Amino acid sequence: MSIRLLYITKDPNVALIAEAAGVDWIFVDLEYRGKNLRQIGRNTVISTHTIKDVEGIRQVLTRSRLLVRVNPLGEWSEGEVDSAIAAGADAVMLPFFKTKEEVYRFVRLVGGRVEAWLLLETMDAVRDIDKILEAPGIDYIHVGLNDLHIERKTRFMFEFLADGSMDALAREIQATGVAFGIGGMARIGELLPPAEHILAEHYRLGSVGVILARSFCSQPISDQKAEFARHFDDGVRAIRAMELWLAEQDAVFFEFNRLQVQREVRMVLDSLWESP
């Protein structure tokens, strides 16, 4: 089965292009509480999406499904979950949770009306993941490598993948039967570790979902819509072609790739230590 591709946008035109290219989930991001403090000084984006954006995306989608991330749990959560569902969300995602009590409450708020997704971004949640996933009604959990690497005070977000932490977490999640995904991914052939090596790690670990990174299609759509669409479509086609190839590989290949990713992460870390 192909990995589910998620793409964050509030632009209906971009959503239509992503849908036509084969993106499975369009992701509208309503989270803002606490993100500036958590991610201060980082090369990250704090989204400015609104419920109106959810409604706008809902109106144009015909095949892709609609995911809405709300804020971490608080007194505002019931209203946010209800608003997201009323605006047309197919799934609502809870970020930055730490305890099973938060997850149980979130699942109750969703109440089976749509899918209940979790974004695992804290080490407290990693440590208690077996208890957290005992909550009935969790449809999917995504491992957020960026916030985890901030909390762990590591230099590079893929250290969690390279140092064995993701292997241990994947085994615990798989034991519960809950579907999971991991982090984000650039275009095939780009960055270090290259996206194709990261994709192979998804297959080795049993991940079924990945967020397409900002760099996946960074040119403004306003420049040339047709060129933007072609660029996006080419990127998704390359992922799907790589998946067909990966499906034919054996355990020896995936072990070689795991070690290669470790070497590439060390290369990145070495370059960071050499930076002024």
Protein backbone atom coordinates (compact mmCIF):
# COMPACT_ATOMS: atom_id res chain seq x y z
CA MET A 1 0.00 0.00 0.00
CA SER A 2 1.27 3.48 -0.86
CA ILE A 3 2.30 5.74 1.98
CA ARG A 4 -0.26 8.46 2.71
CA LEU A 5 1.03 11.89 1.72
CA LEU A 6 0.02 14.96 3.74
CA TYR A 7 0.48 18.54 2.57
CA ILE A 8 -0.06 21.71 4.60
CA THR A 9 -1.80 24.59 2.85
CA LYS A 10 -4.65 27.04 3.32
CA ASP A 11 -4.80 27.98 -0.36
CA PRO A 12 -7.66 26.26 -2.25
CA ASN A 13 -5.73 26.55 -5.53
CA VAL A 14 -2.71 24.78 -4.06
CA ALA A 15 -5.00 22.18 -2.47
CA LEU A 16 -6.52 21.38 -5.85
CA ILE A 17 -3.08 20.97 -7.41
CA ALA A 18 -1.96 18.72 -4.55
CA GLU A 19 -5.14 16.66 -4.87
CA ALA A 20 -4.66 16.26 -8.62
CA ALA A 21 -1.07 15.14 -8.02
CA GLY A 22 -2.24 12.40 -5.67
CA VAL A 23 -1.79 13.87 -2.18
CA ASP A 24 -4.01 11.92 0.20
CA TRP A 25 -4.60 14.49 2.93
CA ILE A 26 -4.72 18.28 2.77
CA PHE A 27 -3.64 19.63 6.14
CA VAL A 28 -4.99 22.92 7.55
CA ASP A 29 -3.06 24.01 10.63
CA LEU A 30 -4.94 25.96 13.30
CA GLU A 31 -2.28 25.47 15.99
CA TYR A 32 -0.66 28.61 17.36
CA ARG A 33 -0.73 28.41 21.17
CA GLY A 34 2.78 28.01 22.58
CA LYS A 35 4.50 27.45 19.24
CA ASN A 36 6.38 30.76 19.18
CA LEU A 37 7.92 30.00 22.56
CA ARG A 38 8.73 26.36 21.72
CA GLN A 39 10.25 27.07 18.35
CA ILE A 40 11.94 30.43 19.00
CA GLY A 41 15.06 30.86 16.88
CA ARG A 42 14.21 27.86 14.69
CA ASN A 43 13.70 27.75 10.94
CA THR A 44 10.04 26.84 11.34
CA VAL A 45 6.73 28.30 10.22
CA ILE A 46 3.91 29.32 12.56
CA SER A 47 0.80 28.93 10.43
CA THR A 48 -1.86 31.62 10.28
CA HIS A 49 -4.68 29.35 9.15
CA THR A 50 -8.27 29.93 10.28
CA ILE A 51 -11.60 28.12 10.32
CA LYS A 52 -12.50 30.08 7.18
CA ASP A 53 -9.55 28.39 5.49
CA VAL A 54 -10.89 24.99 6.54
CA GLU A 55 -14.24 25.87 4.97
CA GLY A 56 -12.55 27.10 1.80
CA ILE A 57 -10.49 23.94 1.37
CA ARG A 58 -13.52 21.74 2.10
CA GLN A 59 -15.44 23.38 -0.75
CA VAL A 60 -12.88 22.42 -3.40
CA LEU A 61 -11.75 18.90 -2.43
CA THR A 62 -13.33 15.93 -4.17
CA ARG A 63 -10.84 13.09 -3.55
CA SER A 64 -8.26 14.14 -0.97
CA ARG A 65 -9.36 14.14 2.65
CA LEU A 66 -9.12 17.11 5.00
CA LEU A 67 -7.06 17.11 8.21
CA VAL A 68 -7.28 19.94 10.74
CA ARG A 69 -4.73 20.39 13.51
CA VAL A 70 -6.12 22.22 16.55
CA ASN A 71 -4.24 23.65 19.55
CA PRO A 72 -2.92 21.57 22.44
CA LEU A 73 -5.61 20.62 24.92
CA GLY A 74 -7.16 23.40 27.00
CA GLU A 75 -10.41 25.13 27.87
CA TRP A 76 -10.70 26.13 24.21
CA SER A 77 -10.50 22.56 22.87
CA GLU A 78 -14.19 21.65 22.78
CA GLY A 79 -15.00 24.72 20.70
CA GLU A 80 -12.04 24.17 18.38
CA VAL A 81 -12.86 20.52 17.76
CA ASP A 82 -16.54 21.26 17.16
CA SER A 83 -15.68 24.14 14.79
CA ALA A 84 -13.20 22.03 12.81
CA ILE A 85 -15.74 19.25 12.37
CA ALA A 86 -18.51 21.69 11.44
CA ALA A 87 -16.19 23.26 8.84
CA GLY A 88 -15.71 19.89 7.15
CA ALA A 89 -12.69 18.16 8.68
CA ASP A 90 -12.36 14.44 7.99
CA ALA A 91 -9.86 14.15 10.83
CA VAL A 92 -8.85 16.36 13.76
CA MET A 93 -5.29 16.22 15.12
CA LEU A 94 -4.18 16.95 18.69
CA PRO A 95 -0.58 18.21 18.97
CA PHE A 96 1.87 18.43 21.87
CA PHE A 97 0.10 16.14 24.33
CA LYS A 98 1.95 14.65 27.28
CA THR A 99 -0.45 12.38 29.15
CA LYS A 100 -3.00 9.69 28.52
CA GLU A 101 -5.60 11.87 30.27
CA GLU A 102 -5.22 14.53 27.57
CA VAL A 103 -5.64 11.94 24.85
CA TYR A 104 -8.68 10.34 26.46
CA ARG A 105 -10.32 13.76 26.76
CA PHE A 106 -9.51 14.63 23.14
CA VAL A 107 -10.97 11.36 21.86
CA ARG A 108 -14.13 12.03 23.86
CA LEU A 109 -14.37 15.52 22.35
CA VAL A 110 -14.12 14.09 18.83
CA GLY A 111 -16.71 11.51 19.81
CA GLY A 112 -16.31 9.33 16.73
CA ARG A 113 -17.70 12.03 14.44
CA VAL A 114 -14.47 12.09 12.40
CA GLU A 115 -11.08 10.43 12.73
CA ALA A 116 -9.04 11.28 15.84
CA TRP A 117 -5.33 11.82 15.09
CA LEU A 118 -2.43 12.47 17.45
CA LEU A 119 0.81 14.36 16.83
CA LEU A 120 3.47 12.93 19.13
CA GLU A 121 5.93 15.73 19.93
CA THR A 122 6.94 15.30 23.60
CA MET A 123 9.23 12.89 25.40
CA ASP A 124 6.62 12.45 28.12
CA ALA A 125 4.32 11.00 25.47
CA VAL A 126 7.11 8.83 24.05
CA ARG A 127 7.76 7.34 27.49
CA ASP A 128 4.06 6.58 28.09
CA ILE A 129 3.05 5.70 24.54
CA ASP A 130 1.80 2.21 25.45
CA LYS A 131 -0.63 3.63 28.01
CA ILE A 132 -1.62 6.55 25.79
CA LEU A 133 -2.57 4.30 22.90
CA GLU A 134 -4.85 2.26 25.11
CA ALA A 135 -7.40 5.02 24.54
CA PRO A 136 -10.14 3.64 22.27
CA GLY A 137 -10.88 5.62 19.14
CA ILE A 138 -7.39 6.73 18.05
CA ASP A 139 -7.16 6.35 14.28
CA TYR A 140 -3.59 7.47 13.59
CA ILE A 141 -0.53 8.91 15.34
CA HIS A 142 2.16 11.00 13.63
CA VAL A 143 5.63 11.32 15.15
CA GLY A 144 6.71 14.97 15.00
CA LEU A 145 10.48 14.88 14.69
CA ASN A 146 10.98 18.65 14.84
CA ASP A 147 9.52 19.30 18.29
CA LEU A 148 11.02 16.08 19.62
CA HIS A 149 14.48 17.19 18.59
CA ILE A 150 13.90 20.60 20.21
CA GLU A 151 12.85 18.97 23.49
CA ARG A 152 15.74 16.50 23.36
CA LYS A 153 18.12 19.40 22.67
CA THR A 154 19.68 17.56 19.75
CA ARG A 155 21.26 19.31 16.81
CA PHE A 156 19.33 17.67 13.97
CA MET A 157 15.81 16.30 13.86
CA PHE A 158 16.76 13.06 12.10
CA GLU A 159 18.93 12.02 15.05
CA PHE A 160 15.76 10.47 16.50
CA LEU A 161 15.62 8.26 13.41
CA ALA A 162 19.33 7.45 13.33
CA ASP A 163 20.02 6.68 16.99
CA GLY A 164 17.48 3.88 17.36
CA SER A 165 14.86 5.92 19.22
CA MET A 166 12.39 5.68 16.34
CA ASP A 167 12.92 1.92 16.08
CA ALA A 168 11.96 1.46 19.73
CA LEU A 169 8.97 3.78 19.42
CA ALA A 170 7.77 2.11 16.22
CA ARG A 171 7.80 -1.29 17.92
CA GLU A 172 5.70 0.05 20.80
CA ILE A 173 3.18 1.70 18.48
CA GLN A 174 2.91 -1.36 16.24
CA ALA A 175 2.16 -3.51 19.29
CA THR A 176 -1.01 -1.45 19.82
CA GLY A 177 -2.21 -1.79 16.22
CA VAL A 178 -2.52 1.98 15.70
CA ALA A 179 -1.35 3.25 12.30
CA PHE A 180 1.52 5.73 12.46
CA GLY A 181 3.55 8.10 10.32
CA ILE A 182 6.83 9.93 10.78
CA GLY A 183 7.92 13.52 10.23
CA GLY A 184 8.34 15.21 6.90
CA MET A 185 10.07 14.54 3.59
CA ALA A 186 11.56 16.64 0.81
CA ARG A 187 11.65 15.81 -2.90
CA ILE A 188 13.36 12.63 -4.08
CA GLY A 189 17.05 13.34 -4.60
CA GLU A 190 17.17 16.39 -2.35
CA LEU A 191 18.70 17.24 1.03
CA LEU A 192 20.76 15.08 3.37
CA PRO A 193 19.79 12.42 4.17
CA PRO A 194 18.19 12.27 0.72
CA ALA A 195 14.43 11.88 0.69
CA GLU A 196 14.63 8.43 -0.91
CA HIS A 197 16.68 7.17 2.04
CA ILE A 198 14.14 8.62 4.48
CA LEU A 199 11.32 6.99 2.51
CA ALA A 200 13.07 3.63 2.74
CA GLU A 201 13.22 4.06 6.52
CA HIS A 202 9.45 4.60 6.54
CA TYR A 203 9.04 1.25 4.78
CA ARG A 204 11.47 -0.52 7.12
CA LEU A 205 9.77 0.85 10.25
CA GLY A 206 6.19 0.28 9.10
CA SER A 207 5.25 3.95 8.80
CA VAL A 208 2.20 4.69 6.66
CA GLY A 209 2.32 8.50 6.54
CA VAL A 210 4.62 11.45 5.86
CA ILE A 211 4.17 15.21 5.58
CA LEU A 212 5.56 16.77 2.40
CA ALA A 213 7.99 19.43 3.56
CA ARG A 214 7.90 23.13 2.72
CA SER A 215 10.80 22.57 0.35
CA PHE A 216 8.76 20.03 -1.64
CA CYS A 217 7.23 22.79 -3.75
CA SER A 218 8.55 26.11 -2.53
CA GLN A 219 7.99 28.30 -5.59
CA PRO A 220 5.05 30.74 -5.27
CA ILE A 221 1.96 29.54 -7.09
CA SER A 222 1.28 33.09 -8.22
CA ASP A 223 4.35 33.04 -10.48
CA GLN A 224 3.16 30.38 -12.92
CA LYS A 225 0.30 28.12 -11.87
CA ALA A 226 0.93 25.56 -14.62
CA GLU A 227 4.62 25.32 -13.74
CA PHE A 228 3.77 24.98 -10.04
CA ALA A 229 1.35 22.14 -10.85
CA ARG A 230 3.89 20.36 -13.06
CA HIS A 231 6.59 20.66 -10.41
CA PHE A 232 4.26 19.32 -7.72
CA ASP A 233 3.04 16.46 -9.89
CA ASP A 234 6.59 15.45 -10.81
CA GLY A 235 7.51 15.35 -7.13
CA VAL A 236 4.64 13.05 -6.19
CA ARG A 237 5.26 10.80 -9.20
CA ALA A 238 8.88 10.39 -8.10
CA ILE A 239 7.75 9.32 -4.63
CA ARG A 240 5.28 6.78 -6.01
CA ALA A 241 7.89 5.39 -8.41
CA MET A 242 10.35 5.05 -5.54
CA GLU A 243 7.70 3.21 -3.53
CA LEU A 244 7.24 0.65 -6.30
CA TRP A 245 10.99 0.03 -6.25
CA LEU A 246 11.12 -0.19 -2.45
CA ALA A 247 8.33 -2.76 -2.41
CA GLU A 248 10.66 -5.17 -4.23
CA GLN A 249 13.64 -4.77 -1.89
CA ASP A 250 14.70 -7.27 0.76
CA ALA A 251 15.83 -7.00 4.37
CA VAL A 252 19.48 -6.74 3.35
CA PHE A 253 18.74 -3.56 1.40
CA PHE A 254 16.80 -1.97 4.25
CA GLU A 255 19.58 -2.70 6.75
CA PHE A 256 22.12 -1.17 4.35
CA ASN A 257 19.89 1.90 3.99
CA ARG A 258 19.50 2.20 7.78
CA LEU A 259 23.26 2.31 8.19
CA GLN A 260 23.55 4.76 5.32
CA VAL A 261 21.09 7.12 7.01
CA GLN A 262 23.16 6.91 10.19
CA ARG A 263 26.26 7.90 8.24
CA GLU A 264 24.42 10.77 6.56
CA VAL A 265 23.09 12.07 9.87
CA ARG A 266 26.65 12.04 11.23
CA MET A 267 27.76 14.01 8.17
CA VAL A 268 25.11 16.63 8.88
CA LEU A 269 26.11 16.80 12.55
CA ASP A 270 29.77 17.16 11.63
CA SER A 271 28.92 20.06 9.33
CA LEU A 272 26.89 21.72 12.10
CA TRP A 273 29.77 21.47 14.55
CA GLU A 274 32.07 23.04 11.96
CA SER A 275 29.66 25.95 11.42
CA PRO A 276 30.49 29.21 13.23
